Structures are given as structure tokens and as C-alpha cells.
Amino acid sequence: MIHLKINGIPVEVEKGTTVLTAAKKIGVKIPTLCYLENLLPDGSCRICVVEITANGRSWVDTACTAQCSEGWEVDTMSAKVVDSRRKTLDLLLSEHSISCFNCEANGDCKLQDLCVEYGVEKTSYSVEQKAKPID
């Protein structure tokens, strides 16, 4: 068994357990967009990033792909993590409008919810939004 701490909460998990699964075990929510439970994770959306500290150094990694290691201390809401998530949402909005009135998922959209949670109202990139033809 592997012992680590997530947001200061001790957790014991089996070898091969991801940080995302370990966090769920103790009731810590980590946001995701691309994660699907029965598929292999790929970390492509970058929203589930966490800050990991071990052996005197720290780094940011995706919780859905990072497999827990003995003695890790994981912070799911550090300043680095929040900044990274905001930047990722900003980039996502550069290619996806948050004004989703024509979308079926409007009001039930993880991207919209995360943008509200992290205070991202619009992209800071000057990207020309091209109207897509109506199907």
C-alpha cells in the first residue's frame, strides 16, 4: 500500500492508483473535462492538474494520469494549480465560445461551470470567432 496526503488528508491506496481516484476516495473533488471512468486517461484537457511535492521538489501534473507514490503531498488548489486551470480555460475559450445559447448543453455544461468557478468570462486571446453554418 502507498501512503500520501491530499490537501493534508492522509490516504492509503494500492500501487497504480491515480491521484484522481485517491482524491475521490477521501471526498476531494478535482475538476475534469476529458476524463471518462472506463477509458484510459490521457490528461489532454489539463483541467485536473494538481501540485505534487516529494523529495524536496514540486511539480504540476494531471491527476487523472499521475500514479500515486509513497510520501507524496498533493495540493489540489494551490496558487500554481488555480493559475494553470485559469490559463487552460482561457485557451479553451479561444476556440469555444462560452455564449452557448444555441447549444443543447447550455446550463448543463462542465466548461461553463468551470469558467464561472474560476472567474474566466472570456478569452484574453484575440481570436476571430467564425460563425459556423447551421446544420
N, C-alpha and C. Protein backbone atom coordinates (compact mmCIF):
# COMPACT_ATOMS: atom_id res chain seq x y z
N MET A 1 0.83 -1.18 0.00
CA MET A 1 0.00 0.00 0.00
C MET A 1 0.88 1.26 0.00
N ILE A 2 0.35 2.30 -0.63
CA ILE A 2 1.06 3.57 -0.74
C ILE A 2 0.36 4.59 0.15
N HIS A 3 1.16 5.38 0.86
CA HIS A 3 0.64 6.41 1.76
C HIS A 3 1.02 7.78 1.22
N LEU A 4 0.05 8.66 1.13
CA LEU A 4 0.29 10.03 0.69
C LEU A 4 -0.73 10.94 1.36
N LYS A 5 -0.60 12.24 1.11
CA LYS A 5 -1.55 13.21 1.64
C LYS A 5 -2.10 14.03 0.48
N ILE A 6 -3.39 14.23 0.50
CA ILE A 6 -4.04 15.10 -0.47
C ILE A 6 -4.73 16.21 0.30
N ASN A 7 -4.31 17.44 0.06
CA ASN A 7 -4.81 18.60 0.81
C ASN A 7 -4.66 18.39 2.32
N GLY A 8 -3.56 17.73 2.70
CA GLY A 8 -3.28 17.49 4.11
C GLY A 8 -3.99 16.29 4.70
N ILE A 9 -4.83 15.63 3.92
CA ILE A 9 -5.59 14.48 4.40
C ILE A 9 -4.84 13.19 4.04
N PRO A 10 -4.49 12.37 5.03
CA PRO A 10 -3.78 11.12 4.73
C PRO A 10 -4.70 10.17 3.96
N VAL A 11 -4.12 9.45 3.01
CA VAL A 11 -4.86 8.45 2.25
C VAL A 11 -3.93 7.29 1.95
N GLU A 12 -4.48 6.08 1.98
CA GLU A 12 -3.74 4.87 1.67
C GLU A 12 -4.39 4.22 0.46
N VAL A 13 -3.59 3.96 -0.57
CA VAL A 13 -4.12 3.38 -1.81
C VAL A 13 -3.20 2.27 -2.31
N GLU A 14 -3.73 1.47 -3.22
CA GLU A 14 -2.94 0.41 -3.83
C GLU A 14 -2.01 1.01 -4.88
N LYS A 15 -0.91 0.32 -5.14
CA LYS A 15 0.03 0.73 -6.18
C LYS A 15 -0.73 0.80 -7.51
N GLY A 16 -0.46 1.84 -8.31
CA GLY A 16 -1.13 2.02 -9.60
C GLY A 16 -2.35 2.90 -9.55
N THR A 17 -2.73 3.34 -8.36
CA THR A 17 -3.90 4.23 -8.20
C THR A 17 -3.53 5.63 -8.62
N THR A 18 -4.40 6.27 -9.39
CA THR A 18 -4.13 7.65 -9.80
C THR A 18 -4.49 8.61 -8.68
N VAL A 19 -3.94 9.80 -8.75
CA VAL A 19 -4.24 10.85 -7.77
C VAL A 19 -5.74 11.17 -7.81
N LEU A 20 -6.34 11.18 -9.00
CA LEU A 20 -7.77 11.47 -9.13
C LEU A 20 -8.60 10.45 -8.36
N THR A 21 -8.28 9.17 -8.50
CA THR A 21 -9.01 8.11 -7.80
C THR A 21 -8.78 8.20 -6.29
N ALA A 22 -7.55 8.48 -5.87
CA ALA A 22 -7.24 8.62 -4.45
C ALA A 22 -8.00 9.80 -3.84
N ALA A 23 -8.09 10.89 -4.59
CA ALA A 23 -8.82 12.06 -4.10
C ALA A 23 -10.30 11.75 -3.94
N LYS A 24 -10.88 11.05 -4.91
CA LYS A 24 -12.29 10.66 -4.82
C LYS A 24 -12.53 9.79 -3.58
N LYS A 25 -11.57 8.93 -3.27
CA LYS A 25 -11.69 8.02 -2.12
C LYS A 25 -11.90 8.79 -0.82
N ILE A 26 -11.30 9.97 -0.70
CA ILE A 26 -11.42 10.75 0.54
C ILE A 26 -12.35 11.96 0.39
N GLY A 27 -13.08 12.01 -0.73
CA GLY A 27 -14.07 13.07 -0.92
C GLY A 27 -13.54 14.40 -1.40
N VAL A 28 -12.34 14.40 -1.98
CA VAL A 28 -11.76 15.62 -2.53
C VAL A 28 -12.10 15.69 -4.02
N LYS A 29 -12.75 16.77 -4.42
CA LYS A 29 -13.17 16.93 -5.81
C LYS A 29 -12.05 17.60 -6.62
N ILE A 30 -11.71 16.97 -7.74
CA ILE A 30 -10.77 17.54 -8.70
C ILE A 30 -11.53 17.65 -10.02
N PRO A 31 -11.59 18.86 -10.61
CA PRO A 31 -12.37 19.02 -11.84
C PRO A 31 -11.74 18.29 -13.02
N THR A 32 -12.60 17.80 -13.92
CA THR A 32 -12.14 17.14 -15.15
C THR A 32 -13.05 17.55 -16.29
N LEU A 33 -12.54 17.48 -17.49
CA LEU A 33 -13.35 17.64 -18.70
C LEU A 33 -13.24 16.41 -19.58
N CYS A 34 -12.05 15.86 -19.74
CA CYS A 34 -11.84 14.76 -20.68
C CYS A 34 -11.90 13.39 -20.04
N TYR A 35 -11.91 13.31 -18.72
CA TYR A 35 -11.83 12.02 -18.04
C TYR A 35 -13.14 11.23 -18.17
N LEU A 36 -13.03 9.99 -18.63
CA LEU A 36 -14.14 9.06 -18.69
C LEU A 36 -13.73 7.81 -17.94
N GLU A 37 -14.52 7.42 -16.96
CA GLU A 37 -14.12 6.39 -15.99
C GLU A 37 -13.64 5.07 -16.59
N ASN A 38 -14.26 4.57 -17.62
CA ASN A 38 -13.89 3.26 -18.14
C ASN A 38 -12.92 3.29 -19.31
N LEU A 39 -12.34 4.44 -19.58
CA LEU A 39 -11.34 4.57 -20.64
C LEU A 39 -9.99 4.93 -20.03
N LEU A 40 -8.92 4.61 -20.72
CA LEU A 40 -7.60 5.00 -20.23
C LEU A 40 -7.49 6.52 -20.25
N PRO A 41 -7.01 7.12 -19.17
CA PRO A 41 -6.89 8.58 -19.12
C PRO A 41 -5.73 9.05 -19.99
N ASP A 42 -5.89 10.25 -20.55
CA ASP A 42 -4.80 10.80 -21.35
C ASP A 42 -4.38 12.20 -20.90
N GLY A 43 -5.13 12.82 -20.00
CA GLY A 43 -4.73 14.12 -19.47
C GLY A 43 -4.78 15.24 -20.48
N SER A 44 -5.52 15.08 -21.55
CA SER A 44 -5.49 16.05 -22.64
C SER A 44 -6.13 17.40 -22.30
N CYS A 45 -7.12 17.43 -21.40
CA CYS A 45 -7.78 18.72 -21.14
C CYS A 45 -6.98 19.58 -20.17
N ARG A 46 -6.16 18.99 -19.34
CA ARG A 46 -5.27 19.68 -18.40
C ARG A 46 -6.01 20.39 -17.25
N ILE A 47 -7.30 20.15 -17.10
CA ILE A 47 -8.07 20.80 -16.03
C ILE A 47 -7.83 20.13 -14.68
N CYS A 48 -7.48 18.85 -14.67
CA CYS A 48 -7.32 18.12 -13.42
C CYS A 48 -5.92 18.27 -12.81
N VAL A 49 -5.17 19.27 -13.22
CA VAL A 49 -3.81 19.42 -12.69
C VAL A 49 -3.82 19.61 -11.18
N VAL A 50 -2.79 19.09 -10.55
CA VAL A 50 -2.56 19.23 -9.11
C VAL A 50 -1.08 19.51 -8.91
N GLU A 51 -0.74 20.06 -7.75
CA GLU A 51 0.66 20.27 -7.43
C GLU A 51 1.12 19.15 -6.51
N ILE A 52 2.18 18.50 -6.91
CA ILE A 52 2.73 17.36 -6.16
C ILE A 52 4.08 17.77 -5.58
N THR A 53 4.29 17.45 -4.30
CA THR A 53 5.57 17.72 -3.64
C THR A 53 6.13 16.39 -3.13
N ALA A 54 7.39 16.16 -3.45
CA ALA A 54 8.09 14.96 -2.97
C ALA A 54 9.59 15.18 -3.06
N ASN A 55 10.29 14.66 -2.10
CA ASN A 55 11.77 14.73 -2.10
C ASN A 55 12.30 16.14 -2.31
N GLY A 56 11.65 17.12 -1.71
CA GLY A 56 12.14 18.49 -1.75
C GLY A 56 11.86 19.26 -3.02
N ARG A 57 11.07 18.71 -3.93
CA ARG A 57 10.72 19.46 -5.14
C ARG A 57 9.23 19.33 -5.39
N SER A 58 8.70 20.27 -6.17
CA SER A 58 7.28 20.19 -6.50
C SER A 58 7.09 20.41 -8.00
N TRP A 59 6.00 19.87 -8.51
CA TRP A 59 5.68 19.99 -9.93
C TRP A 59 4.16 19.90 -10.09
N VAL A 60 3.69 20.32 -11.24
CA VAL A 60 2.27 20.24 -11.57
C VAL A 60 2.09 19.08 -12.54
N ASP A 61 1.10 18.24 -12.26
CA ASP A 61 0.84 17.07 -13.11
C ASP A 61 -0.67 16.84 -13.17
N THR A 62 -1.10 16.05 -14.15
CA THR A 62 -2.52 15.75 -14.27
C THR A 62 -2.90 14.64 -13.29
N ALA A 63 -3.96 14.87 -12.52
CA ALA A 63 -4.40 13.91 -11.50
C ALA A 63 -4.93 12.63 -12.11
N CYS A 64 -5.45 12.71 -13.33
CA CYS A 64 -6.03 11.51 -13.96
C CYS A 64 -4.96 10.55 -14.47
N THR A 65 -3.73 11.01 -14.66
CA THR A 65 -2.67 10.14 -15.17
C THR A 65 -1.56 9.87 -14.15
N ALA A 66 -1.36 10.75 -13.19
CA ALA A 66 -0.27 10.60 -12.22
C ALA A 66 -0.61 9.48 -11.23
N GLN A 67 0.24 8.46 -11.19
CA GLN A 67 0.02 7.37 -10.25
C GLN A 67 0.70 7.70 -8.93
N CYS A 68 -0.05 7.50 -7.86
CA CYS A 68 0.41 7.86 -6.51
C CYS A 68 1.72 7.17 -6.17
N SER A 69 2.53 7.89 -5.41
CA SER A 69 3.81 7.36 -4.96
C SER A 69 3.95 7.65 -3.47
N GLU A 70 4.70 6.80 -2.80
CA GLU A 70 4.87 6.89 -1.35
C GLU A 70 5.39 8.27 -0.93
N GLY A 71 4.70 8.86 0.05
CA GLY A 71 5.14 10.12 0.64
C GLY A 71 4.74 11.38 -0.10
N TRP A 72 4.05 11.26 -1.20
CA TRP A 72 3.63 12.45 -1.94
C TRP A 72 2.73 13.32 -1.10
N GLU A 73 2.87 14.62 -1.28
CA GLU A 73 1.92 15.59 -0.74
C GLU A 73 1.31 16.29 -1.94
N VAL A 74 0.00 16.18 -2.07
CA VAL A 74 -0.71 16.70 -3.23
C VAL A 74 -1.60 17.86 -2.80
N ASP A 75 -1.51 18.96 -3.53
CA ASP A 75 -2.35 20.13 -3.27
C ASP A 75 -3.23 20.34 -4.51
N THR A 76 -4.53 20.29 -4.31
CA THR A 76 -5.45 20.39 -5.44
C THR A 76 -5.89 21.83 -5.74
N MET A 77 -5.53 22.78 -4.89
CA MET A 77 -5.97 24.17 -5.10
C MET A 77 -4.87 25.18 -4.80
N SER A 78 -3.62 24.82 -5.01
CA SER A 78 -2.53 25.78 -4.78
C SER A 78 -2.62 26.92 -5.79
N ALA A 79 -1.87 27.97 -5.57
CA ALA A 79 -1.87 29.11 -6.49
C ALA A 79 -1.43 28.67 -7.88
N LYS A 80 -0.43 27.79 -7.98
CA LYS A 80 0.03 27.28 -9.28
C LYS A 80 -1.09 26.53 -10.00
N VAL A 81 -1.83 25.72 -9.25
CA VAL A 81 -2.90 24.91 -9.82
C VAL A 81 -4.03 25.80 -10.33
N VAL A 82 -4.47 26.73 -9.51
CA VAL A 82 -5.56 27.63 -9.90
C VAL A 82 -5.16 28.45 -11.12
N ASP A 83 -3.93 28.96 -11.12
CA ASP A 83 -3.43 29.74 -12.27
C ASP A 83 -3.40 28.88 -13.53
N SER A 84 -2.93 27.66 -13.41
CA SER A 84 -2.88 26.75 -14.56
C SER A 84 -4.27 26.48 -15.10
N ARG A 85 -5.23 26.22 -14.22
CA ARG A 85 -6.60 25.95 -14.66
C ARG A 85 -7.21 27.16 -15.35
N ARG A 86 -6.96 28.35 -14.80
CA ARG A 86 -7.49 29.57 -15.45
C ARG A 86 -6.91 29.75 -16.85
N LYS A 87 -5.61 29.54 -16.99
CA LYS A 87 -4.96 29.67 -18.29
C LYS A 87 -5.50 28.63 -19.28
N THR A 88 -5.72 27.43 -18.81
CA THR A 88 -6.27 26.38 -19.68
C THR A 88 -7.68 26.75 -20.13
N LEU A 89 -8.51 27.22 -19.20
CA LEU A 89 -9.87 27.63 -19.56
C LEU A 89 -9.83 28.79 -20.56
N ASP A 90 -8.91 29.73 -20.35
CA ASP A 90 -8.73 30.85 -21.27
C ASP A 90 -8.40 30.34 -22.67
N LEU A 91 -7.49 29.38 -22.75
CA LEU A 91 -7.14 28.80 -24.05
C LEU A 91 -8.32 28.07 -24.69
N LEU A 92 -9.05 27.31 -23.89
CA LEU A 92 -10.22 26.60 -24.41
C LEU A 92 -11.25 27.57 -24.97
N LEU A 93 -11.42 28.70 -24.30
CA LEU A 93 -12.40 29.69 -24.77
C LEU A 93 -11.95 30.39 -26.04
N SER A 94 -10.65 30.33 -26.34
CA SER A 94 -10.19 30.96 -27.57
C SER A 94 -10.71 30.20 -28.80
N GLU A 95 -11.12 28.97 -28.61
CA GLU A 95 -11.67 28.16 -29.69
C GLU A 95 -13.11 27.73 -29.45
N HIS A 96 -13.68 28.14 -28.32
CA HIS A 96 -15.03 27.70 -27.97
C HIS A 96 -15.74 28.83 -27.23
N SER A 97 -16.76 29.37 -27.83
CA SER A 97 -17.49 30.47 -27.21
C SER A 97 -18.23 29.98 -25.98
N ILE A 98 -18.24 30.82 -24.93
CA ILE A 98 -18.99 30.48 -23.72
C ILE A 98 -20.44 30.94 -23.82
N SER A 99 -20.76 31.69 -24.87
CA SER A 99 -22.15 32.11 -25.11
C SER A 99 -22.83 30.98 -25.87
N CYS A 100 -23.34 30.03 -25.13
CA CYS A 100 -23.80 28.78 -25.73
C CYS A 100 -25.33 28.70 -25.83
N PHE A 101 -25.98 29.80 -26.14
CA PHE A 101 -27.43 29.78 -26.16
C PHE A 101 -28.00 28.81 -27.19
N ASN A 102 -27.24 28.51 -28.24
CA ASN A 102 -27.70 27.59 -29.28
C ASN A 102 -27.34 26.14 -28.97
N CYS A 103 -26.64 25.90 -27.90
CA CYS A 103 -26.13 24.57 -27.59
C CYS A 103 -27.09 23.81 -26.68
N GLU A 104 -27.26 22.52 -26.95
CA GLU A 104 -28.12 21.67 -26.12
C GLU A 104 -27.64 21.61 -24.67
N ALA A 105 -26.35 21.70 -24.47
CA ALA A 105 -25.78 21.56 -23.12
C ALA A 105 -25.80 22.86 -22.33
N ASN A 106 -26.29 23.95 -22.91
CA ASN A 106 -26.32 25.24 -22.20
C ASN A 106 -27.02 25.07 -20.85
N GLY A 107 -26.35 25.49 -19.81
CA GLY A 107 -26.88 25.36 -18.46
C GLY A 107 -26.50 24.05 -17.80
N ASP A 108 -26.00 23.09 -18.56
CA ASP A 108 -25.56 21.80 -18.04
C ASP A 108 -24.23 21.45 -18.69
N CYS A 109 -23.29 22.41 -18.65
CA CYS A 109 -22.02 22.27 -19.36
C CYS A 109 -20.87 22.41 -18.37
N LYS A 110 -20.00 21.40 -18.33
CA LYS A 110 -18.85 21.45 -17.43
C LYS A 110 -17.94 22.63 -17.73
N LEU A 111 -17.75 22.95 -19.02
CA LEU A 111 -16.89 24.07 -19.39
C LEU A 111 -17.47 25.38 -18.84
N GLN A 112 -18.76 25.60 -19.02
CA GLN A 112 -19.40 26.80 -18.48
C GLN A 112 -19.24 26.85 -16.96
N ASP A 113 -19.52 25.73 -16.30
CA ASP A 113 -19.43 25.67 -14.84
C ASP A 113 -18.02 26.01 -14.35
N LEU A 114 -17.01 25.44 -15.00
CA LEU A 114 -15.63 25.70 -14.59
C LEU A 114 -15.23 27.15 -14.84
N CYS A 115 -15.69 27.72 -15.95
CA CYS A 115 -15.39 29.13 -16.23
C CYS A 115 -15.99 30.03 -15.15
N VAL A 116 -17.19 29.73 -14.71
CA VAL A 116 -17.80 30.50 -13.62
C VAL A 116 -17.01 30.30 -12.34
N GLU A 117 -16.68 29.06 -12.01
CA GLU A 117 -15.95 28.75 -10.78
C GLU A 117 -14.60 29.44 -10.71
N TYR A 118 -13.90 29.53 -11.85
CA TYR A 118 -12.56 30.11 -11.87
C TYR A 118 -12.54 31.56 -12.37
N GLY A 119 -13.72 32.15 -12.57
CA GLY A 119 -13.80 33.56 -12.94
C GLY A 119 -13.29 33.88 -14.33
N VAL A 120 -13.43 32.96 -15.26
CA VAL A 120 -12.99 33.19 -16.64
C VAL A 120 -14.22 33.51 -17.46
N GLU A 121 -14.38 34.79 -17.80
CA GLU A 121 -15.58 35.23 -18.51
C GLU A 121 -15.41 35.24 -20.02
N LYS A 122 -14.18 35.47 -20.46
CA LYS A 122 -13.90 35.48 -21.89
C LYS A 122 -12.41 35.23 -22.09
N THR A 123 -12.04 34.91 -23.31
CA THR A 123 -10.64 34.65 -23.60
C THR A 123 -9.85 35.96 -23.68
N SER A 124 -8.60 35.88 -23.30
CA SER A 124 -7.74 37.06 -23.40
C SER A 124 -7.00 37.05 -24.75
N TYR A 125 -7.22 36.02 -25.55
CA TYR A 125 -6.58 35.92 -26.85
C TYR A 125 -7.49 36.56 -27.90
N SER A 126 -6.88 37.26 -28.82
CA SER A 126 -7.67 37.89 -29.88
C SER A 126 -7.81 36.90 -31.03
N VAL A 127 -8.78 36.05 -30.87
CA VAL A 127 -9.05 35.02 -31.88
C VAL A 127 -10.38 35.37 -32.52
N GLU A 128 -10.37 35.37 -33.84
CA GLU A 128 -11.59 35.70 -34.57
C GLU A 128 -12.54 34.50 -34.50
N GLN A 129 -13.70 34.69 -33.87
CA GLN A 129 -14.69 33.64 -33.79
C GLN A 129 -15.48 33.62 -35.09
N LYS A 130 -15.35 32.57 -35.84
CA LYS A 130 -16.04 32.46 -37.12
C LYS A 130 -17.37 31.76 -36.90
N ALA A 131 -18.40 32.34 -37.46
CA ALA A 131 -19.72 31.72 -37.35
C ALA A 131 -19.73 30.41 -38.12
N LYS A 132 -20.29 29.41 -37.51
CA LYS A 132 -20.37 28.12 -38.16
C LYS A 132 -21.75 28.00 -38.82
N PRO A 133 -21.79 27.35 -39.98
CA PRO A 133 -23.08 27.23 -40.66
C PRO A 133 -24.05 26.37 -39.85
N ILE A 134 -25.30 26.71 -39.92
CA ILE A 134 -26.34 25.96 -39.23
C ILE A 134 -26.61 24.68 -40.00
N ASP A 135 -26.60 23.58 -39.31
CA ASP A 135 -26.84 22.28 -39.94
C ASP A 135 -28.33 22.01 -40.01
